[in-house]
PDB file of N, CA and C in Angstrom:
ATOM      1  N   MET A   1      66.822-108.139  75.542  1.00  0.00           N
ATOM      2  CA  MET A   1      66.367-108.396  74.193  1.00  0.00           C
ATOM      3  C   MET A   1      64.869-108.166  74.133  1.00  0.00           C
ATOM      4  N   ILE A   2      64.435-107.536  73.061  1.00  0.00           N
ATOM      5  CA  ILE A   2      63.011-107.350  72.792  1.00  0.00           C
ATOM      6  C   ILE A   2      62.696-108.105  71.510  1.00  0.00           C
ATOM      7  N   LEU A   3      61.663-108.945  71.562  1.00  0.00           N
ATOM      8  CA  LEU A   3      61.212-109.680  70.390  1.00  0.00           C
ATOM      9  C   LEU A   3      59.837-109.163  70.008  1.00  0.00           C
ATOM     10  N   GLN A   4      59.707-108.705  68.786  1.00  0.00           N
ATOM     11  CA  GLN A   4      58.436-108.204  68.262  1.00  0.00           C
ATOM     12  C   GLN A   4      58.069-109.110  67.093  1.00  0.00           C
ATOM     13  N   CYS A   5      56.955-109.825  67.235  1.00  0.00           N
ATOM     14  CA  CYS A   5      56.579-110.807  66.221  1.00  0.00           C
ATOM     15  C   CYS A   5      55.181-110.505  65.691  1.00  0.00           C
ATOM     16  N   ASP A   6      55.098-110.232  64.388  1.00  0.00           N
ATOM     17  CA  ASP A   6      53.817-109.941  63.725  1.00  0.00           C
ATOM     18  C   ASP A   6      53.031-108.842  64.431  1.00  0.00           C
ATOM     19  N   ALA A   7      53.738-107.843  64.941  1.00  0.00           N
ATOM     20  CA  ALA A   7      53.069-106.778  65.694  1.00  0.00           C
ATOM     21  C   ALA A   7      52.578-105.653  64.797  1.00  0.00           C
ATOM     22  N   GLY A   8      53.311-105.361  63.745  1.00  0.00           N
ATOM     23  CA  GLY A   8      52.875-104.362  62.784  1.00  0.00           C
ATOM     24  C   GLY A   8      53.114-102.916  63.175  1.00  0.00           C
ATOM     25  N   VAL A   9      53.654-102.650  64.352  1.00  0.00           N
ATOM     26  CA  VAL A   9      53.955-101.276  64.762  1.00  0.00           C
ATOM     27  C   VAL A   9      55.428-101.031  64.456  1.00  0.00           C
ATOM     28  N   TYR A  10      55.680-100.289  63.387  1.00  0.00           N
ATOM     29  CA  TYR A  10      57.056-100.132  62.924  1.00  0.00           C
ATOM     30  C   TYR A  10      57.416 -98.675  62.690  1.00  0.00           C
ATOM     31  N   THR A  11      56.996 -97.792  63.565  1.00  0.00           N
ATOM     32  CA  THR A  11      57.309 -96.376  63.398  1.00  0.00           C
ATOM     33  C   THR A  11      58.623 -96.029  64.100  1.00  0.00           C
ATOM     34  N   GLU A  12      59.240 -94.986  63.627  1.00  0.00           N
ATOM     35  CA  GLU A  12      60.479 -94.513  64.252  1.00  0.00           C
ATOM     36  C   GLU A  12      60.239 -94.164  65.714  1.00  0.00           C
ATOM     37  N   ASP A  13      59.114 -93.514  66.007  1.00  0.00           N
ATOM     38  CA  ASP A  13      58.799 -93.133  67.382  1.00  0.00           C
ATOM     39  C   ASP A  13      58.684 -94.358  68.281  1.00  0.00           C
ATOM     40  N   PHE A  14      58.025 -95.392  67.809  1.00  0.00           N
ATOM     41  CA  PHE A  14      57.882 -96.617  68.601  1.00  0.00           C
ATOM     42  C   PHE A  14      59.244 -97.268  68.824  1.00  0.00           C
ATOM     43  N   PHE A  15      60.077 -97.292  67.792  1.00  0.00           N
ATOM     44  CA  PHE A  15      61.402 -97.884  67.934  1.00  0.00           C
ATOM     45  C   PHE A  15      62.261 -97.088  68.915  1.00  0.00           C
ATOM     46  N   ARG A  16      62.081 -95.778  68.972  1.00  0.00           N
ATOM     47  CA  ARG A  16      62.815 -94.969  69.960  1.00  0.00           C
ATOM     48  C   ARG A  16      62.424 -95.363  71.384  1.00  0.00           C
ATOM     49  N   LYS A  17      61.138 -95.616  71.587  1.00  0.00           N
ATOM     50  CA  LYS A  17      60.667 -96.054  72.914  1.00  0.00           C
ATOM     51  C   LYS A  17      61.283 -97.402  73.285  1.00  0.00           C
ATOM     52  N   LEU A  18      61.314 -98.315  72.321  1.00  0.00           N
ATOM     53  CA  LEU A  18      61.930 -99.615  72.589  1.00  0.00           C
ATOM     54  C   LEU A  18      63.426 -99.463  72.832  1.00  0.00           C
ATOM     55  N   TYR A  19      64.064 -98.589  72.057  1.00  0.00           N
ATOM     56  CA  TYR A  19      65.496 -98.313  72.221  1.00  0.00           C
ATOM     57  C   TYR A  19      65.785 -97.883  73.663  1.00  0.00           C
ATOM     58  N   ASN A  20      64.950 -97.010  74.203  1.00  0.00           N
ATOM     59  CA  ASN A  20      65.155 -96.491  75.556  1.00  0.00           C
ATOM     60  C   ASN A  20      65.000 -97.556  76.638  1.00  0.00           C
ATOM     61  N   THR A  21      64.306 -98.644  76.339  1.00  0.00           N
ATOM     62  CA  THR A  21      64.147 -99.709  77.338  1.00  0.00           C
ATOM     63  C   THR A  21      65.274-100.727  77.284  1.00  0.00           C
ATOM     64  N   LEU A  22      66.032-100.742  76.198  1.00  0.00           N
ATOM     65  CA  LEU A  22      67.123-101.699  76.060  1.00  0.00           C
ATOM     66  C   LEU A  22      68.348-101.276  76.862  1.00  0.00           C
ATOM     67  N   ASP A  23      69.042-102.262  77.421  1.00  0.00           N
ATOM     68  CA  ASP A  23      70.344-102.009  78.018  1.00  0.00           C
ATOM     69  C   ASP A  23      71.373-101.868  76.899  1.00  0.00           C
ATOM     70  N   LYS A  24      72.519-101.299  77.232  1.00  0.00           N
ATOM     71  CA  LYS A  24      73.603-101.188  76.261  1.00  0.00           C
ATOM     72  C   LYS A  24      73.924-102.589  75.737  1.00  0.00           C
ATOM     73  N   GLY A  25      74.001-102.720  74.413  1.00  0.00           N
ATOM     74  CA  GLY A  25      74.277-104.011  73.788  1.00  0.00           C
ATOM     75  C   GLY A  25      73.027-104.867  73.579  1.00  0.00           C
ATOM     76  N   GLY A  26      71.882-104.383  74.078  1.00  0.00           N
ATOM     77  CA  GLY A  26      70.633-105.126  73.921  1.00  0.00           C
ATOM     78  C   GLY A  26      70.180-105.162  72.473  1.00  0.00           C
ATOM     79  N   GLN A  27      69.396-106.178  72.138  1.00  0.00           N
ATOM     80  CA  GLN A  27      68.942-106.347  70.760  1.00  0.00           C
ATOM     81  C   GLN A  27      67.431-106.224  70.643  1.00  0.00           C
ATOM     82  N   LEU A  28      67.012-105.655  69.528  1.00  0.00           N
ATOM     83  CA  LEU A  28      65.603-105.643  69.133  1.00  0.00           C
ATOM     84  C   LEU A  28      65.506-106.562  67.929  1.00  0.00           C
ATOM     85  N   VAL A  29      64.619-107.552  68.016  1.00  0.00           N
ATOM     86  CA  VAL A  29      64.448-108.530  66.938  1.00  0.00           C
ATOM     87  C   VAL A  29      63.001-108.478  66.478  1.00  0.00           C
ATOM     88  N   ILE A  30      62.813-108.330  65.181  1.00  0.00           N
ATOM     89  CA  ILE A  30      61.480-108.284  64.576  1.00  0.00           C
ATOM     90  C   ILE A  30      61.344-109.502  63.673  1.00  0.00           C
ATOM     91  N   VAL A  31      60.236-110.226  63.845  1.00  0.00           N
ATOM     92  CA  VAL A  31      59.936-111.367  62.987  1.00  0.00           C
ATOM     93  C   VAL A  31      58.551-111.117  62.405  1.00  0.00           C
ATOM     94  N   ASP A  32      58.457-111.045  61.094  1.00  0.00           N
ATOM     95  CA  ASP A  32      57.169-110.711  60.483  1.00  0.00           C
ATOM     96  C   ASP A  32      57.161-111.133  59.023  1.00  0.00           C
ATOM     97  N   TRP A  33      55.968-111.079  58.429  1.00  0.00           N
ATOM     98  CA  TRP A  33      55.805-111.265  56.982  1.00  0.00           C
ATOM     99  C   TRP A  33      55.894-109.874  56.381  1.00  0.00           C
ATOM    100  N   LEU A  34      56.939-109.597  55.652  1.00  0.00           N
ATOM    101  CA  LEU A  34      57.133-108.277  55.071  1.00  0.00           C
ATOM    102  C   LEU A  34      57.468-108.423  53.597  1.00  0.00           C
ATOM    103  N   THR A  35      57.287-107.341  52.871  1.00  0.00           N
ATOM    104  CA  THR A  35      57.740-107.330  51.488  1.00  0.00           C
ATOM    105  C   THR A  35      59.098-106.665  51.437  1.00  0.00           C
ATOM    106  N   ARG A  36      59.839-107.015  50.439  1.00  0.00           N
ATOM    107  CA  ARG A  36      61.126-106.357  50.227  1.00  0.00           C
ATOM    108  C   ARG A  36      60.875-104.999  49.604  1.00  0.00           C
ATOM    109  N   GLY A  37      61.849-104.130  49.690  1.00  0.00           N
ATOM    110  CA  GLY A  37      61.752-102.833  49.036  1.00  0.00           C
ATOM    111  C   GLY A  37      61.778-102.999  47.524  1.00  0.00           C
ATOM    112  N   ILE A  38      61.404-101.965  46.815  1.00  0.00           N
ATOM    113  CA  ILE A  38      61.324-102.068  45.359  1.00  0.00           C
ATOM    114  C   ILE A  38      62.692-102.265  44.713  1.00  0.00           C
ATOM    115  N   THR A  39      63.765-102.004  45.449  1.00  0.00           N
ATOM    116  CA  THR A  39      65.098-102.197  44.882  1.00  0.00           C
ATOM    117  C   THR A  39      65.564-103.641  45.017  1.00  0.00           C
ATOM    118  N   ASP A  40      64.853-104.446  45.806  1.00  0.00           N
ATOM    119  CA  ASP A  40      65.257-105.836  45.998  1.00  0.00           C
ATOM    120  C   ASP A  40      64.860-106.666  44.790  1.00  0.00           C
ATOM    121  N   SER A  41      65.728-107.553  44.389  1.00  0.00           N
ATOM    122  CA  SER A  41      65.480-108.310  43.164  1.00  0.00           C
ATOM    123  C   SER A  41      64.760-109.628  43.393  1.00  0.00           C
ATOM    124  N   GLN A  42      64.806-110.182  44.595  1.00  0.00           N
ATOM    125  CA  GLN A  42      64.166-111.462  44.842  1.00  0.00           C
ATOM    126  C   GLN A  42      62.856-111.252  45.584  1.00  0.00           C
ATOM    127  N   PRO A  43      61.731-111.618  44.968  1.00  0.00           N
ATOM    128  CA  PRO A  43      60.451-111.437  45.651  1.00  0.00           C
ATOM    129  C   PRO A  43      60.277-112.429  46.783  1.00  0.00           C
ATOM    130  N   VAL A  44      59.540-112.009  47.798  1.00  0.00           N
ATOM    131  CA  VAL A  44      59.185-112.873  48.909  1.00  0.00           C
ATOM    132  C   VAL A  44      57.836-113.494  48.588  1.00  0.00           C
ATOM    133  N   PRO A  45      57.643-114.784  48.889  1.00  0.00           N
ATOM    134  CA  PRO A  45      56.334-115.387  48.620  1.00  0.00           C
ATOM    135  C   PRO A  45      55.215-114.609  49.306  1.00  0.00           C
ATOM    136  N   GLU A  46      54.052-114.605  48.683  1.00  0.00           N
ATOM    137  CA  GLU A  46      52.898-113.914  49.257  1.00  0.00           C
ATOM    138  C   GLU A  46      52.586-114.472  50.634  1.00  0.00           C
ATOM    139  N   SER A  47      52.187-113.608  51.546  1.00  0.00           N
ATOM    140  CA  SER A  47      51.814-114.053  52.880  1.00  0.00           C
ATOM    141  C   SER A  47      50.426-114.686  52.840  1.00  0.00           C
ATOM    142  N   SER A  48      50.014-115.174  53.955  1.00  0.00           N
ATOM    143  CA  SER A  48      48.755-115.888  54.046  1.00  0.00           C
ATOM    144  C   SER A  48      47.557-114.972  53.837  1.00  0.00           C
ATOM    145  N   LEU A  49      46.432-115.589  53.507  1.00  0.00           N
ATOM    146  CA  LEU A  49      45.189-114.836  53.360  1.00  0.00           C
ATOM    147  C   LEU A  49      44.833-114.141  54.668  1.00  0.00           C
ATOM    148  N   GLN A  50      45.071-114.799  55.787  1.00  0.00           N
ATOM    149  CA  GLN A  50      44.785-114.192  57.090  1.00  0.00           C
ATOM    150  C   GLN A  50      45.573-112.895  57.260  1.00  0.00           C
ATOM    151  N   ARG A  51      46.840-112.911  56.902  1.00  0.00           N
ATOM    152  CA  ARG A  51      47.681-111.714  57.019  1.00  0.00           C
ATOM    153  C   ARG A  51      47.157-110.604  56.113  1.00  0.00           C
ATOM    154  N   LYS A  52      46.747-110.958  54.897  1.00  0.00           N
ATOM    155  CA  LYS A  52      46.206-109.959  53.983  1.00  0.00           C
ATOM    156  C   LYS A  52      44.933-109.335  54.542  1.00  0.00           C
ATOM    157  N   LEU A  53      44.098-110.144  55.171  1.00  0.00           N
ATOM    158  CA  LEU A  53      42.868-109.612  55.765  1.00  0.00           C
ATOM    159  C   LEU A  53      43.176-108.674  56.933  1.00  0.00           C
ATOM    160  N   ILE A  54      44.177-109.019  57.722  1.00  0.00           N
ATOM    161  CA  ILE A  54      44.583-108.145  58.833  1.00  0.00           C
ATOM    162  C   ILE A  54      45.064-106.803  58.299  1.00  0.00           C
ATOM    163  N   LEU A  55      45.879-106.833  57.243  1.00  0.00           N
ATOM    164  CA  LEU A  55      46.375-105.594  56.652  1.00  0.00           C
ATOM    165  C   LEU A  55      45.239-104.776  56.040  1.00  0.00           C
ATOM    166  N   PHE A  56      44.306-105.448  55.394  1.00  0.00           N
ATOM    167  CA  PHE A  56      43.158-104.752  54.819  1.00  0.00           C
ATOM    168  C   PHE A  56      42.329-104.084  55.917  1.00  0.00           C
ATOM    169  N   ASP A  57      42.094-104.804  56.993  1.00  0.00           N
ATOM    170  CA  ASP A  57      41.331-104.257  58.111  1.00  0.00           C
ATOM    171  C   ASP A  57      42.042-103.034  58.702  1.00  0.00           C
ATOM    172  N   ALA A  58      43.342-103.103  58.824  1.00  0.00           N
ATOM    173  CA  ALA A  58      44.106-101.968  59.351  1.00  0.00           C
ATOM    174  C   ALA A  58      43.974-100.757  58.444  1.00  0.00           C
ATOM    175  N   SER A  59      43.910-100.992  57.142  1.00  0.00           N
ATOM    176  CA  SER A  59      43.785 -99.869  56.207  1.00  0.00           C
ATOM    177  C   SER A  59      42.411 -99.206  56.314  1.00  0.00           C
ATOM    178  N   LEU A  60      41.407 -99.944  56.732  1.00  0.00           N
ATOM    179  CA  LEU A  60      40.077 -99.356  56.909  1.00  0.00           C
ATOM    180  C   LEU A  60      40.027 -98.462  58.145  1.00  0.00           C
ATOM    181  N   ASP A  61      40.791 -98.828  59.181  1.00  0.00           N
ATOM    182  CA  ASP A  61      40.822 -98.050  60.420  1.00  0.00           C
ATOM    183  C   ASP A  61      41.667 -96.791  60.302  1.00  0.00           C
ATOM    184  N   ASN A  62      42.657 -96.823  59.425  1.00  0.00           N
ATOM    185  CA  ASN A  62      43.599 -95.714  59.335  1.00  0.00           C
ATOM    186  C   ASN A  62      43.855 -95.404  57.857  1.00  0.00           C
ATOM    187  N   PRO A  63      43.379 -94.263  57.370  1.00  0.00           N
ATOM    188  CA  PRO A  63      43.569 -93.945  55.957  1.00  0.00           C
ATOM    189  C   PRO A  63      45.041 -93.731  55.578  1.00  0.00           C
ATOM    190  N   ASP A  64      45.908 -93.500  56.551  1.00  0.00           N
ATOM    191  CA  ASP A  64      47.334 -93.315  56.280  1.00  0.00           C
ATOM    192  C   ASP A  64      48.125 -94.610  56.392  1.00  0.00           C
ATOM    193  N   PHE A  65      47.431 -95.716  56.599  1.00  0.00           N
ATOM    194  CA  PHE A  65      48.088 -97.009  56.764  1.00  0.00           C
ATOM    195  C   PHE A  65      48.882 -97.383  55.513  1.00  0.00           C
ATOM    196  N   GLU A  66      50.038 -97.982  55.726  1.00  0.00           N
ATOM    197  CA  GLU A  66      50.834 -98.480  54.612  1.00  0.00           C
ATOM    198  C   GLU A  66      51.524 -99.764  55.040  1.00  0.00           C
ATOM    199  N   VAL A  67      51.674-100.667  54.112  1.00  0.00           N
ATOM    200  CA  VAL A  67      52.401-101.899  54.384  1.00  0.00           C
ATOM    201  C   VAL A  67      53.880-101.560  54.403  1.00  0.00           C
ATOM    202  N   LYS A  68      54.531-101.903  55.473  1.00  0.00           N
ATOM    203  CA  LYS A  68      55.951-101.583  55.611  1.00  0.00           C
ATOM    204  C   LYS A  68      56.808-102.601  54.880  1.00  0.00           C
ATOM    205  N   THR A  69      57.892-102.118  54.321  1.00  0.00           N
ATOM    206  CA  THR A  69      58.880-102.999  53.704  1.00  0.00           C
ATOM    207  C   THR A  69      60.030-103.187  54.684  1.00  0.00           C
ATOM    208  N   SER A  70      60.829-104.197  54.433  1.00  0.00           N
ATOM    209  CA  SER A  70      61.992-104.417  55.295  1.00  0.00           C
ATOM    210  C   SER A  70      62.931-103.211  55.245  1.00  0.00           C
ATOM    211  N   GLU A  71      63.032-102.584  54.070  1.00  0.00           N
ATOM    212  CA  GLU A  71      63.901-101.410  53.940  1.00  0.00           C
ATOM    213  C   GLU A  71      63.433-100.248  54.811  1.00  0.00           C
ATOM    214  N   SER A  72      62.126 -99.992  54.821  1.00  0.00           N
ATOM    215  CA  SER A  72      61.620 -98.879  55.628  1.00  0.00           C
ATOM    216  C   SER A  72      61.767 -99.159  57.119  1.00  0.00           C
ATOM    217  N   ILE A  73      61.624-100.410  57.518  1.00  0.00           N
ATOM    218  CA  ILE A  73      61.791-100.762  58.932  1.00  0.00           C
ATOM    219  C   ILE A  73      63.250-100.609  59.344  1.00  0.00           C
ATOM    220  N   LYS A  74      64.163-101.074  58.516  1.00  0.00           N
ATOM    221  CA  LYS A  74      65.590-100.920  58.832  1.00  0.00           C
ATOM    222  C   LYS A  74      65.965 -99.444  58.933  1.00  0.00           C
ATOM    223  N   GLU A  75      65.398 -98.633  58.062  1.00  0.00           N
ATOM    224  CA  GLU A  75      65.666 -97.191  58.112  1.00  0.00           C
ATOM    225  C   GLU A  75      65.165 -96.592  59.427  1.00  0.00           C
ATOM    226  N   ASN A  76      63.961 -96.975  59.852  1.00  0.00           N
ATOM    227  CA  ASN A  76      63.421 -96.459  61.113  1.00  0.00           C
ATOM    228  C   ASN A  76      64.213 -96.949  62.318  1.00  0.00           C
ATOM    229  N   LEU A  77      64.708 -98.167  62.276  1.00  0.00           N
ATOM    230  CA  LEU A  77      65.548 -98.670  63.367  1.00  0.00           C
ATOM    231  C   LEU A  77      66.833 -97.853  63.477  1.00  0.00           C
ATOM    232  N   THR A  78      67.433 -97.552  62.333  1.00  0.00           N
ATOM    233  CA  THR A  78      68.658 -96.761  62.319  1.00  0.00           C
ATOM    234  C   THR A  78      68.395 -95.344  62.826  1.00  0.00           C
ATOM    235  N   LYS A  79      67.293 -94.745  62.395  1.00  0.00           N
ATOM    236  CA  LYS A  79      66.937 -93.399  62.863  1.00  0.00           C
ATOM    237  C   LYS A  79      66.693 -93.379  64.367  1.00  0.00           C
ATOM    238  N   ALA A  80      66.205 -94.497  64.914  1.00  0.00           N
ATOM    239  CA  ALA A  80      65.940 -94.579  66.351  1.00  0.00           C
ATOM    240  C   ALA A  80      67.214 -94.784  67.158  1.00  0.00           C
ATOM    241  N   GLY A  81      68.350 -95.026  66.475  1.00  0.00           N
ATOM    242  CA  GLY A  81      69.619 -95.141  67.171  1.00  0.00           C
ATOM    243  C   GLY A  81      70.229 -96.530  67.206  1.00  0.00           C
ATOM    244  N   LEU A  82      69.539 -97.524  66.665  1.00  0.00           N
ATOM    245  CA  LEU A  82      70.076 -98.879  66.668  1.00  0.00           C
ATOM    246  C   LEU A  82      71.157 -99.030  65.601  1.00  0.00           C
ATOM    247  N   VAL A  83      72.113 -99.895  65.867  1.00  0.00           N
ATOM    248  CA  VAL A  83      73.224-100.138  64.945  1.00  0.00           C
ATOM    249  C   VAL A  83      73.255-101.620  64.581  1.00  0.00           C
ATOM    250  N   ASN A  84      74.138-101.974  63.663  1.00  0.00           N
ATOM    251  CA  ASN A  84      74.281-103.367  63.215  1.00  0.00           C
ATOM    252  C   ASN A  84      72.938-103.950  62.787  1.00  0.00           C
ATOM    253  N   VAL A  85      72.164-103.157  62.056  1.00  0.00           N
ATOM    254  CA  VAL A  85      70.835-103.583  61.616  1.00  0.00           C
ATOM    255  C   VAL A  85      70.990-104.558  60.446  1.00  0.00           C
ATOM    256  N   THR A  86      70.444-105.747  60.615  1.00  0.00           N
ATOM    257  CA  THR A  86      70.540-106.791  59.597  1.00  0.00           C
ATOM    258  C   THR A  86      69.163-107.373  59.322  1.00  0.00           C
ATOM    259  N   GLU A  87      69.058-108.054  58.193  1.00  0.00           N
ATOM    260  CA  GLU A  87      67.816-108.757  57.867  1.00  0.00           C
ATOM    261  C   GLU A  87      68.156-110.127  57.316  1.00  0.00           C
ATOM    262  N   GLN A  88      67.228-111.044  57.513  1.00  0.00           N
ATOM    263  CA  GLN A  88      67.373-112.389  56.968  1.00  0.00           C
ATOM    264  C   GLN A  88      65.997-112.819  56.475  1.00  0.00           C
ATOM    265  N   PHE A  89      65.906-113.137  55.194  1.00  0.00           N
ATOM    266  CA  PHE A  89      64.659-113.613  54.610  1.00  0.00           C
ATOM    267  C   PHE A  89      64.663-115.135  54.629  1.00  0.00           C
ATOM    268  N   LEU A  90      63.641-115.717  55.225  1.00  0.00           N
ATOM    269  CA  LEU A  90      63.508-117.166  55.266  1.00  0.00           C
ATOM    270  C   LEU A  90      62.698-117.642  54.062  1.00  0.00           C
ATOM    271  N   ASP A  91      62.812-118.903  53.734  1.00  0.00           N
ATOM    272  CA  ASP A  91      62.144-119.454  52.555  1.00  0.00           C
ATOM    273  C   ASP A  91      60.623-119.326  52.607  1.00  0.00           C
ATOM    274  N   ASN A  92      60.048-119.304  53.794  1.00  0.00           N
ATOM    275  CA  ASN A  92      58.587-119.230  53.909  1.00  0.00           C
ATOM    276  C   ASN A  92      58.054-117.801  53.830  1.00  0.00           C
ATOM    277  N   GLY A  93      58.930-116.825  53.585  1.00  0.00           N
ATOM    278  CA  GLY A  93      58.497-115.442  53.463  1.00  0.00           C
ATOM    279  C   GLY A  93      58.654-114.622  54.730  1.00  0.00           C
ATOM    280  N   THR A  94      58.983-115.267  55.824  1.00  0.00           N
ATOM    281  CA  THR A  94      59.201-114.563  57.070  1.00  0.00           C
ATOM    282  C   THR A  94      60.525-113.803  57.007  1.00  0.00           C
ATOM    283  N   VAL A  95      60.540-112.625  57.608  1.00  0.00           N
ATOM    284  CA  VAL A  95      61.753-111.801  57.661  1.00  0.00           C
ATOM    285  C   VAL A  95      62.160-111.616  59.115  1.00  0.00           C
ATOM    286  N   ILE A  96      63.439-111.749  59.380  1.00  0.00           N
ATOM    287  CA  ILE A  96      63.974-111.468  60.707  1.00  0.00           C
ATOM    288  C   ILE A  96      64.883-110.248  60.571  1.00  0.00           C
ATOM    289  N   ILE A  97      64.551-109.197  61.309  1.00  0.00           N
ATOM    290  CA  ILE A  97      65.348-107.973  61.285  1.00  0.00           C
ATOM    291  C   ILE A  97      65.860-107.747  62.705  1.00  0.00           C
ATOM    292  N   LYS A  98      67.158-107.506  62.818  1.00  0.00           N
ATOM    293  CA  LYS A  98      67.792-107.297  64.125  1.00  0.00           C
ATOM    294  C   LYS A  98      68.511-105.970  64.151  1.00  0.00           C
ATOM    295  N   GLY A  99      68.486-105.328  65.317  1.00  0.00           N
ATOM    296  CA  GLY A  99      69.257-104.124  65.558  1.00  0.00           C
ATOM    297  C   GLY A  99      69.764-104.154  66.988  1.00  0.00           C
ATOM    298  N   GLN A 100      70.828-103.427  67.245  1.00  0.00           N
ATOM    299  CA  GLN A 100      71.464-103.458  68.558  1.00  0.00           C
ATOM    300  C   GLN A 100      71.665-102.051  69.088  1.00  0.00           C
ATOM    301  N   LYS A 101      71.482-101.898  70.392  1.00  0.00           N
ATOM    302  CA  LYS A 101      71.752-100.611  71.033  1.00  0.00           C
ATOM    303  C   LYS A 101      73.251-100.522  71.308  1.00  0.00           C
ATOM    304  N   PRO A 102      73.881 -99.453  70.826  1.00  0.00           N
ATOM    305  CA  PRO A 102      75.340 -99.340  71.028  1.00  0.00           C
ATOM    306  C   PRO A 102      75.700 -99.123  72.499  1.00  0.00           C
TER     307      PRO A 102
END
């Protein structure tokens, strides 16, 4: 099992690397403050000021920086080969996203 918590690295390429380290049946679990995709009807509470400052700082370092949504992360997990990708939104705004190596 790989647990990624508030790491912010959510690219397909990175997920492929993690996929390759997992044993068959292994799980990748992401816990983070994320926004829902624009198709989601229930908004997630705003994250902390500290989190907003971290995201702002990241945008200054990288002009291509974008805040990832749970939908985009699930899509990248699927593209990397993970299956049974699920998400769970907690009341405090935290999102848990899980995927499994077949």
